[in-house]
C-alpha atoms as a PDB file:
ATOM      1  CA  UNK A   1      18.539  -8.001  -2.091  1.00  0.00           C
ATOM      2  CA  UNK A   2      16.427  -7.253   0.815  1.00  0.00           C
ATOM      3  CA  UNK A   3      17.776  -5.539   4.100  1.00  0.00           C
ATOM      4  CA  UNK A   4      16.103  -4.190   7.366  1.00  0.00           C
ATOM      5  CA  UNK A   5      17.925  -1.520   9.703  1.00  0.00           C
ATOM      6  CA  UNK A   6      17.456  -1.968  13.619  1.00  0.00           C
ATOM      7  CA  UNK A   7      14.773  -1.600  15.126  1.00  0.00           C
ATOM      8  CA  UNK A   8      13.789   1.640  16.292  1.00  0.00           C
ATOM      9  CA  UNK A   9      15.441   3.458  13.321  1.00  0.00           C
ATOM     10  CA  UNK A  10      13.747   6.225  11.986  1.00  0.00           C
ATOM     11  CA  UNK A  11      14.826   4.864   8.362  1.00  0.00           C
ATOM     12  CA  UNK A  12      13.001   5.472   5.145  1.00  0.00           C
ATOM     13  CA  UNK A  13      11.346   2.793   2.768  1.00  0.00           C
ATOM     14  CA  UNK A  14      14.279   2.476  -0.131  1.00  0.00           C
ATOM     15  CA  UNK A  15      13.645   0.460  -3.002  1.00  0.00           C
ATOM     16  CA  UNK A  16      15.974   0.199  -6.207  1.00  0.00           C
ATOM     17  CA  UNK A  17      14.809  -2.263  -8.971  1.00  0.00           C
ATOM     18  CA  UNK A  18      17.633  -2.528 -11.807  1.00  0.00           C
ATOM     19  CA  UNK A  19      15.683  -5.117 -13.568  1.00  0.00           C
ATOM     20  CA  UNK A  20      12.956  -7.467 -13.122  1.00  0.00           C
ATOM     21  CA  UNK A  21      11.738  -9.763 -15.795  1.00  0.00           C
ATOM     22  CA  UNK A  22      10.117 -13.036 -16.231  1.00  0.00           C
ATOM     23  CA  UNK A  23       9.341 -15.967 -18.643  1.00  0.00           C
ATOM     24  CA  UNK A  24       6.260 -16.136 -20.577  1.00  0.00           C
ATOM     25  CA  UNK A  25       4.340 -19.074 -21.519  1.00  0.00           C
ATOM     26  CA  UNK A  26       5.604 -18.804 -24.730  1.00  0.00           C
ATOM     27  CA  UNK A  27       9.345 -18.916 -23.684  1.00  0.00           C
ATOM     28  CA  UNK A  28       9.653 -15.118 -24.419  1.00  0.00           C
ATOM     29  CA  UNK A  29      11.253 -13.173 -21.695  1.00  0.00           C
ATOM     30  CA  UNK A  30       9.196  -9.762 -20.621  1.00  0.00           C
ATOM     31  CA  UNK A  31      10.987  -7.031 -19.064  1.00  0.00           C
ATOM     32  CA  UNK A  32       8.471  -5.744 -16.363  1.00  0.00           C
ATOM     33  CA  UNK A  33      10.744  -3.324 -14.328  1.00  0.00           C
ATOM     34  CA  UNK A  34      13.806  -1.390 -15.313  1.00  0.00           C
ATOM     35  CA  UNK A  35      15.629   1.217 -13.358  1.00  0.00           C
ATOM     36  CA  UNK A  36      13.180   2.016 -10.694  1.00  0.00           C
ATOM     37  CA  UNK A  37      14.231   3.994  -7.731  1.00  0.00           C
ATOM     38  CA  UNK A  38      12.281   5.637  -4.944  1.00  0.00           C
ATOM     39  CA  UNK A  39      12.636   6.883  -1.049  1.00  0.00           C
ATOM     40  CA  UNK A  40       9.525   7.309   1.356  1.00  0.00           C
ATOM     41  CA  UNK A  41      10.548   8.705   4.643  1.00  0.00           C
ATOM     42  CA  UNK A  42       9.914   6.975   7.566  1.00  0.00           C
ATOM     43  CA  UNK A  43       6.632   7.621   8.766  1.00  0.00           C
ATOM     44  CA  UNK A  44       4.501   8.558   5.123  1.00  0.00           C
ATOM     45  CA  UNK A  45       2.116   7.207   2.963  1.00  0.00           C
ATOM     46  CA  UNK A  46       3.325   7.186  -0.340  1.00  0.00           C
ATOM     47  CA  UNK A  47       1.087   5.676  -3.661  1.00  0.00           C
ATOM     48  CA  UNK A  48       2.505   4.498  -6.556  1.00  0.00           C
ATOM     49  CA  UNK A  49      -0.088   5.355  -9.526  1.00  0.00           C
ATOM     50  CA  UNK A  50       0.213   3.959 -13.346  1.00  0.00           C
ATOM     51  CA  UNK A  51      -1.184   2.406 -15.941  1.00  0.00           C
ATOM     52  CA  UNK A  52      -2.908  -1.361 -15.957  1.00  0.00           C
ATOM     53  CA  UNK A  53      -0.542  -3.829 -16.319  1.00  0.00           C
ATOM     54  CA  UNK A  54       2.662  -1.967 -15.981  1.00  0.00           C
ATOM     55  CA  UNK A  55       4.099  -3.685 -13.013  1.00  0.00           C
ATOM     56  CA  UNK A  56       2.519  -2.565  -9.733  1.00  0.00           C
ATOM     57  CA  UNK A  57       2.248  -5.437  -7.986  1.00  0.00           C
ATOM     58  CA  UNK A  58       5.187  -7.313  -8.852  1.00  0.00           C
ATOM     59  CA  UNK A  59       6.833  -3.529  -6.875  1.00  0.00           C
ATOM     60  CA  UNK A  60       4.828  -4.419  -4.162  1.00  0.00           C
ATOM     61  CA  UNK A  61       5.780  -7.987  -3.764  1.00  0.00           C
ATOM     62  CA  UNK A  62       9.317  -7.306  -4.764  1.00  0.00           C
ATOM     63  CA  UNK A  63       8.987  -4.477  -1.674  1.00  0.00           C
ATOM     64  CA  UNK A  64       7.357  -7.069   0.331  1.00  0.00           C
ATOM     65  CA  UNK A  65       9.910  -9.899  -0.133  1.00  0.00           C
ATOM     66  CA  UNK A  66       7.637 -12.194  -1.924  1.00  0.00           C
ATOM     67  CA  UNK A  67       9.620 -12.159  -5.129  1.00  0.00           C
ATOM     68  CA  UNK A  68      13.488 -12.324  -4.630  1.00  0.00           C
ATOM     69  CA  UNK A  69      14.249 -12.730  -8.124  1.00  0.00           C
ATOM     70  CA  UNK A  70      15.357  -9.740  -9.357  1.00  0.00           C
ATOM     71  CA  UNK A  71      18.444  -7.050  -9.184  1.00  0.00           C
ATOM     72  CA  UNK A  72      18.577  -4.072  -7.012  1.00  0.00           C
ATOM     73  CA  UNK A  73      18.085  -3.686  -3.399  1.00  0.00           C
ATOM     74  CA  UNK A  74      15.265  -2.961  -0.793  1.00  0.00           C
ATOM     75  CA  UNK A  75      15.975  -1.030   2.503  1.00  0.00           C
ATOM     76  CA  UNK A  76      12.946  -1.603   4.953  1.00  0.00           C
ATOM     77  CA  UNK A  77      12.489   0.654   8.091  1.00  0.00           C
ATOM     78  CA  UNK A  78      13.045  -0.521  11.554  1.00  0.00           C
ATOM     79  CA  UNK A  79      13.071  -4.543  11.834  1.00  0.00           C
ATOM     80  CA  UNK A  80      10.760  -4.567   8.583  1.00  0.00           C
ATOM     81  CA  UNK A  81       8.435  -6.624  10.323  1.00  0.00           C
ATOM     82  CA  UNK A  82       5.329  -6.081   7.360  1.00  0.00           C
ATOM     83  CA  UNK A  83       1.967  -5.314   7.336  1.00  0.00           C
ATOM     84  CA  UNK A  84       0.755  -6.295   3.967  1.00  0.00           C
ATOM     85  CA  UNK A  85      -3.091  -5.930   2.572  1.00  0.00           C
ATOM     86  CA  UNK A  86      -3.848  -7.621  -0.586  1.00  0.00           C
ATOM     87  CA  UNK A  87      -6.381  -7.074  -3.514  1.00  0.00           C
ATOM     88  CA  UNK A  88      -8.345  -9.953  -2.073  1.00  0.00           C
ATOM     89  CA  UNK A  89      -8.758 -10.254   1.693  1.00  0.00           C
ATOM     90  CA  UNK A  90      -7.333 -13.707   1.985  1.00  0.00           C
ATOM     91  CA  UNK A  91      -9.261 -14.865   5.528  1.00  0.00           C
ATOM     92  CA  UNK A  92      -9.114 -18.690   6.435  1.00  0.00           C
ATOM     93  CA  UNK A  93     -12.753 -19.485   6.326  1.00  0.00           C
ATOM     94  CA  UNK A  94     -12.699 -21.920   9.433  1.00  0.00           C
ATOM     95  CA  UNK A  95     -11.944 -19.302  11.345  1.00  0.00           C
ATOM     96  CA  UNK A  96     -13.834 -15.997  13.267  1.00  0.00           C
ATOM     97  CA  UNK A  97     -13.088 -12.346  12.622  1.00  0.00           C
ATOM     98  CA  UNK A  98     -11.139 -12.219  15.760  1.00  0.00           C
ATOM     99  CA  UNK A  99      -9.194 -15.110  14.984  1.00  0.00           C
ATOM    100  CA  UNK A 100      -8.182 -14.173  11.574  1.00  0.00           C
ATOM    101  CA  UNK A 101      -6.438 -10.879  13.080  1.00  0.00           C
ATOM    102  CA  UNK A 102      -5.115 -12.934  16.316  1.00  0.00           C
ATOM    103  CA  UNK A 103      -3.432 -15.492  14.116  1.00  0.00           C
ATOM    104  CA  UNK A 104      -0.951 -13.028  12.741  1.00  0.00           C
ATOM    105  CA  UNK A 105       0.459 -11.906  16.202  1.00  0.00           C
ATOM    106  CA  UNK A 106       3.492 -13.344  17.366  1.00  0.00           C
ATOM    107  CA  UNK A 107       3.325 -15.021  20.670  1.00  0.00           C
ATOM    108  CA  UNK A 108       4.507 -12.705  23.125  1.00  0.00           C
ATOM    109  CA  UNK A 109       1.505 -10.337  21.913  1.00  0.00           C
ATOM    110  CA  UNK A 110      -1.197 -13.076  21.546  1.00  0.00           C
ATOM    111  CA  UNK A 111      -3.357 -11.466  24.014  1.00  0.00           C
ATOM    112  CA  UNK A 112      -3.053  -8.000  23.138  1.00  0.00           C
ATOM    113  CA  UNK A 113      -6.420  -5.535  23.730  1.00  0.00           C
ATOM    114  CA  UNK A 114      -7.456  -4.774  20.001  1.00  0.00           C
ATOM    115  CA  UNK A 115     -10.354  -3.233  20.837  1.00  0.00           C
ATOM    116  CA  UNK A 116      -9.471   0.024  19.606  1.00  0.00           C
ATOM    117  CA  UNK A 117      -8.277  -1.344  16.514  1.00  0.00           C
ATOM    118  CA  UNK A 118     -11.852  -3.010  15.936  1.00  0.00           C
ATOM    119  CA  UNK A 119     -13.662   0.067  16.979  1.00  0.00           C
ATOM    120  CA  UNK A 120     -12.010   2.243  14.129  1.00  0.00           C
ATOM    121  CA  UNK A 121     -12.588  -0.648  11.613  1.00  0.00           C
ATOM    122  CA  UNK A 122     -16.449  -0.667  12.659  1.00  0.00           C
ATOM    123  CA  UNK A 123     -15.202  -4.524  13.068  1.00  0.00           C
ATOM    124  CA  UNK A 124     -16.267  -4.747  17.240  1.00  0.00           C
ATOM    125  CA  UNK A 125     -20.099  -6.328  16.460  1.00  0.00           C
ATOM    126  CA  UNK A 126     -18.473  -8.467  13.754  1.00  0.00           C
ATOM    127  CA  UNK A 127     -15.653 -10.450  15.586  1.00  0.00           C
ATOM    128  CA  UNK A 128     -17.618 -13.391  16.119  1.00  0.00           C
ATOM    129  CA  UNK A 129     -18.391 -14.075  12.371  1.00  0.00           C
ATOM    130  CA  UNK A 130     -17.166 -15.863   9.659  1.00  0.00           C
ATOM    131  CA  UNK A 131     -15.702 -14.892   6.609  1.00  0.00           C
ATOM    132  CA  UNK A 132     -18.301 -16.205   4.253  1.00  0.00           C
ATOM    133  CA  UNK A 133     -20.773 -14.056   6.397  1.00  0.00           C
ATOM    134  CA  UNK A 134     -19.302 -10.922   5.726  1.00  0.00           C
ATOM    135  CA  UNK A 135     -19.697  -8.335   3.083  1.00  0.00           C
ATOM    136  CA  UNK A 136     -16.763  -7.637   0.888  1.00  0.00           C
ATOM    137  CA  UNK A 137     -16.109  -4.337   3.032  1.00  0.00           C
ATOM    138  CA  UNK A 138     -16.059  -5.655   6.163  1.00  0.00           C
ATOM    139  CA  UNK A 139     -13.879  -8.786   4.969  1.00  0.00           C
ATOM    140  CA  UNK A 140     -11.426  -5.606   3.321  1.00  0.00           C
ATOM    141  CA  UNK A 141     -11.767  -4.346   6.829  1.00  0.00           C
ATOM    142  CA  UNK A 142     -10.898  -7.184   8.807  1.00  0.00           C
ATOM    143  CA  UNK A 143      -7.647  -7.695   6.346  1.00  0.00           C
ATOM    144  CA  UNK A 144      -6.495  -4.143   7.119  1.00  0.00           C
ATOM    145  CA  UNK A 145      -7.280  -5.159  11.231  1.00  0.00           C
ATOM    146  CA  UNK A 146      -4.872  -7.998  10.618  1.00  0.00           C
ATOM    147  CA  UNK A 147      -2.094  -5.906   9.071  1.00  0.00           C
ATOM    148  CA  UNK A 148      -2.176  -3.229  11.828  1.00  0.00           C
ATOM    149  CA  UNK A 149      -2.403  -5.594  14.623  1.00  0.00           C
ATOM    150  CA  UNK A 150       1.150  -6.958  14.371  1.00  0.00           C
ATOM    151  CA  UNK A 151       2.414  -3.025  14.617  1.00  0.00           C
ATOM    152  CA  UNK A 152       4.154  -3.176  11.185  1.00  0.00           C
ATOM    153  CA  UNK A 153       7.373  -1.185  10.721  1.00  0.00           C
ATOM    154  CA  UNK A 154       6.009  -0.772   7.126  1.00  0.00           C
ATOM    155  CA  UNK A 155       2.631  -1.438   5.682  1.00  0.00           C
ATOM    156  CA  UNK A 156       2.199  -2.081   1.971  1.00  0.00           C
ATOM    157  CA  UNK A 157      -1.556  -2.280   0.292  1.00  0.00           C
ATOM    158  CA  UNK A 158      -2.295  -3.569  -3.339  1.00  0.00           C
ATOM    159  CA  UNK A 159      -5.512  -1.859  -4.463  1.00  0.00           C
ATOM    160  CA  UNK A 160      -7.395  -2.453  -0.894  1.00  0.00           C
ATOM    161  CA  UNK A 161     -10.321  -0.781  -2.061  1.00  0.00           C
ATOM    162  CA  UNK A 162     -11.144  -2.015  -5.409  1.00  0.00           C
ATOM    163  CA  UNK A 163     -14.405  -3.768  -6.413  1.00  0.00           C
ATOM    164  CA  UNK A 164     -16.438  -1.846  -3.155  1.00  0.00           C
ATOM    165  CA  UNK A 165     -19.160   0.421  -3.760  1.00  0.00           C
ATOM    166  CA  UNK A 166     -18.009   3.844  -3.435  1.00  0.00           C
ATOM    167  CA  UNK A 167     -19.944   4.734  -0.460  1.00  0.00           C
ATOM    168  CA  UNK A 168     -18.104   1.630   1.454  1.00  0.00           C
ATOM    169  CA  UNK A 169     -14.208   2.718  -0.150  1.00  0.00           C
ATOM    170  CA  UNK A 170     -14.815   6.267   0.850  1.00  0.00           C
ATOM    171  CA  UNK A 171     -15.294   5.286   4.724  1.00  0.00           C
ATOM    172  CA  UNK A 172     -12.633   2.616   4.598  1.00  0.00           C
ATOM    173  CA  UNK A 173     -10.489   5.258   3.049  1.00  0.00           C
ATOM    174  CA  UNK A 174     -10.986   7.572   6.391  1.00  0.00           C
ATOM    175  CA  UNK A 175     -10.724   4.442   8.548  1.00  0.00           C
ATOM    176  CA  UNK A 176      -6.993   4.120   6.694  1.00  0.00           C
ATOM    177  CA  UNK A 177      -6.206   7.747   6.867  1.00  0.00           C
ATOM    178  CA  UNK A 178      -7.057   7.655  11.110  1.00  0.00           C
ATOM    179  CA  UNK A 179      -5.215   4.655  11.319  1.00  0.00           C
ATOM    180  CA  UNK A 180      -2.044   5.638   9.162  1.00  0.00           C
ATOM    181  CA  UNK A 181      -1.772   8.816  10.987  1.00  0.00           C
ATOM    182  CA  UNK A 182      -2.720   7.824  14.563  1.00  0.00           C
ATOM    183  CA  UNK A 183       0.289   4.717  13.958  1.00  0.00           C
ATOM    184  CA  UNK A 184       2.516   6.871  11.899  1.00  0.00           C
ATOM    185  CA  UNK A 185       3.533   3.573   9.819  1.00  0.00           C
ATOM    186  CA  UNK A 186       5.576   4.330   6.822  1.00  0.00           C
ATOM    187  CA  UNK A 187       2.816   3.073   3.974  1.00  0.00           C
ATOM    188  CA  UNK A 188       3.120   1.998  -0.036  1.00  0.00           C
ATOM    189  CA  UNK A 189       0.091   2.364  -1.255  1.00  0.00           C
ATOM    190  CA  UNK A 190      -0.952   0.887  -5.072  1.00  0.00           C
ATOM    191  CA  UNK A 191      -3.815   2.148  -6.834  1.00  0.00           C
ATOM    192  CA  UNK A 192      -4.965   3.240 -10.385  1.00  0.00           C
ATOM    193  CA  UNK A 193      -7.031   5.847  -8.647  1.00  0.00           C
ATOM    194  CA  UNK A 194      -5.601   9.460  -8.746  1.00  0.00           C
ATOM    195  CA  UNK A 195      -8.236  10.940  -6.196  1.00  0.00           C
ATOM    196  CA  UNK A 196      -7.670   7.980  -3.620  1.00  0.00           C
ATOM    197  CA  UNK A 197      -3.853   8.423  -4.092  1.00  0.00           C
ATOM    198  CA  UNK A 198      -4.254  12.299  -3.759  1.00  0.00           C
ATOM    199  CA  UNK A 199      -6.771  12.017  -0.621  1.00  0.00           C
ATOM    200  CA  UNK A 200      -4.408   9.267   1.349  1.00  0.00           C
ATOM    201  CA  UNK A 201      -1.036  10.147   0.394  1.00  0.00           C
ATOM    202  CA  UNK A 202       1.895  12.397   1.199  1.00  0.00           C
ATOM    203  CA  UNK A 203       3.841  11.607  -2.350  1.00  0.00           C
ATOM    204  CA  UNK A 204       2.892  10.396  -5.207  1.00  0.00           C
ATOM    205  CA  UNK A 205       4.721   7.828  -7.805  1.00  0.00           C
ATOM    206  CA  UNK A 206       3.490   7.947 -11.519  1.00  0.00           C
ATOM    207  CA  UNK A 207       4.948   5.072 -13.282  1.00  0.00           C
ATOM    208  CA  UNK A 208       5.024   4.734 -16.486  1.00  0.00           C
ATOM    209  CA  UNK A 209       4.259   1.560 -18.996  1.00  0.00           C
ATOM    210  CA  UNK A 210       6.240  -1.626 -19.428  1.00  0.00           C
ATOM    211  CA  UNK A 211       9.323  -1.648 -18.295  1.00  0.00           C
ATOM    212  CA  UNK A 212       8.077   0.327 -15.811  1.00  0.00           C
ATOM    213  CA  UNK A 213       9.983   3.446 -13.825  1.00  0.00           C
ATOM    214  CA  UNK A 214       8.644   6.399 -11.854  1.00  0.00           C
ATOM    215  CA  UNK A 215       8.473   8.931 -14.690  1.00  0.00           C
ATOM    216  CA  UNK A 216       7.708  11.769 -12.094  1.00  0.00           C
ATOM    217  CA  UNK A 217       6.807  11.890  -8.330  1.00  0.00           C
ATOM    218  CA  UNK A 218       5.412  15.028  -6.445  1.00  0.00           C
ATOM    219  CA  UNK A 219       5.245  15.491  -2.639  1.00  0.00           C
ATOM    220  CA  UNK A 220       1.840  17.268  -1.677  1.00  0.00           C
ATOM    221  CA  UNK A 221       2.057  20.273   0.247  1.00  0.00           C
ATOM    222  CA  UNK A 222      -1.288  20.077   1.826  1.00  0.00           C
ATOM    223  CA  UNK A 223      -1.080  18.055   4.480  1.00  0.00           C
ATOM    224  CA  UNK A 224      -3.379  14.712   4.613  1.00  0.00           C
ATOM    225  CA  UNK A 225      -6.556  14.893   6.602  1.00  0.00           C
ATOM    226  CA  UNK A 226      -6.823  18.683   5.598  1.00  0.00           C
ATOM    227  CA  UNK A 227      -7.516  18.362   2.062  1.00  0.00           C
ATOM    228  CA  UNK A 228     -11.326  18.672   0.463  1.00  0.00           C
ATOM    229  CA  UNK A 229     -12.761  17.536  -2.135  1.00  0.00           C
ATOM    230  CA  UNK A 230     -12.161  20.877  -4.192  1.00  0.00           C
ATOM    231  CA  UNK A 231      -8.445  20.346  -3.514  1.00  0.00           C
ATOM    232  CA  UNK A 232      -8.257  16.831  -3.917  1.00  0.00           C
ATOM    233  CA  UNK A 233      -9.936  17.537  -7.353  1.00  0.00           C
ATOM    234  CA  UNK A 234      -7.805  20.468  -8.307  1.00  0.00           C
ATOM    235  CA  UNK A 235      -4.710  18.364  -6.970  1.00  0.00           C
ATOM    236  CA  UNK A 236      -5.440  15.431  -9.245  1.00  0.00           C
ATOM    237  CA  UNK A 237      -6.281  17.955 -12.383  1.00  0.00           C
ATOM    238  CA  UNK A 238      -2.613  19.029 -11.931  1.00  0.00           C
ATOM    239  CA  UNK A 239      -1.019  15.929 -11.225  1.00  0.00           C
ATOM    240  CA  UNK A 240      -2.566  14.630 -14.689  1.00  0.00           C
ATOM    241  CA  UNK A 241      -1.173  17.827 -16.394  1.00  0.00           C
ATOM    242  CA  UNK A 242       2.462  17.361 -15.146  1.00  0.00           C
ATOM    243  CA  UNK A 243       2.136  13.368 -15.647  1.00  0.00           C
ATOM    244  CA  UNK A 244       1.747  14.142 -19.278  1.00  0.00           C
ATOM    245  CA  UNK A 245       4.049  16.687 -19.537  1.00  0.00           C
ATOM    246  CA  UNK A 246       6.613  14.365 -17.683  1.00  0.00           C
ATOM    247  CA  UNK A 247       5.917  11.470 -20.655  1.00  0.00           C
ATOM    248  CA  UNK A 248       6.301  13.581 -23.424  1.00  0.00           C
ATOM    249  CA  UNK A 249       9.574  15.682 -22.127  1.00  0.00           C
ATOM    250  CA  UNK A 250       7.890  18.990 -21.954  1.00  0.00           C
ATOM    251  CA  UNK A 251       7.945  18.673 -17.963  1.00  0.00           C
ATOM    252  CA  UNK A 252       9.604  17.621 -15.068  1.00  0.00           C
ATOM    253  CA  UNK A 253      10.649  13.956 -14.124  1.00  0.00           C
END
């Protein structure tokens, strides 16, 4: 079940997935998620981190309302207006970059000025290009611009920097940091890259193997945007140690 609060409420994003399963091709029932709960305060940035195949994308799809076949409840901020960035940019190949972004806008905002958004993402000189003419990094920027253009109440990102050259990914992370800080949109990122999560997020949620649940969560005390490379490396090592303790039952849960 998915509910939204009244627009303007400074309400958190709350996910409770009691059970989620599917039937495999050979007819067996596979349990993906069991007993997962998380809460993300309004305007904050959370990151889901877990092993490959544990169900991170499934959780994000449920939060987005793309998968209603689960037992539990999702409460979304404001009116529940969602911005989402998938692993693939999912741009219409017959539309320009600007058209791809503007197609997501409601009718009453169709003529809004998006120059600042395009400039922040380095898209200003690429607006008339088509997706087939773009590098993967530029295509991902266009997908991020589309998500922010609608002024979402909450934002979901499914490994948006995967397969990118590290230099390009680093610049995109900085751009995402700037946008989420400026707009104060409640954001949940799925990633397998711990250092990326530590750089971007206010709160980390570490997931178990299937059936997945939160084994450990941690609020980061250093404000986003102030963490040096040394801070990120140190915090990441601390998180690895704490998660290992949580997995073995020797530490906090």
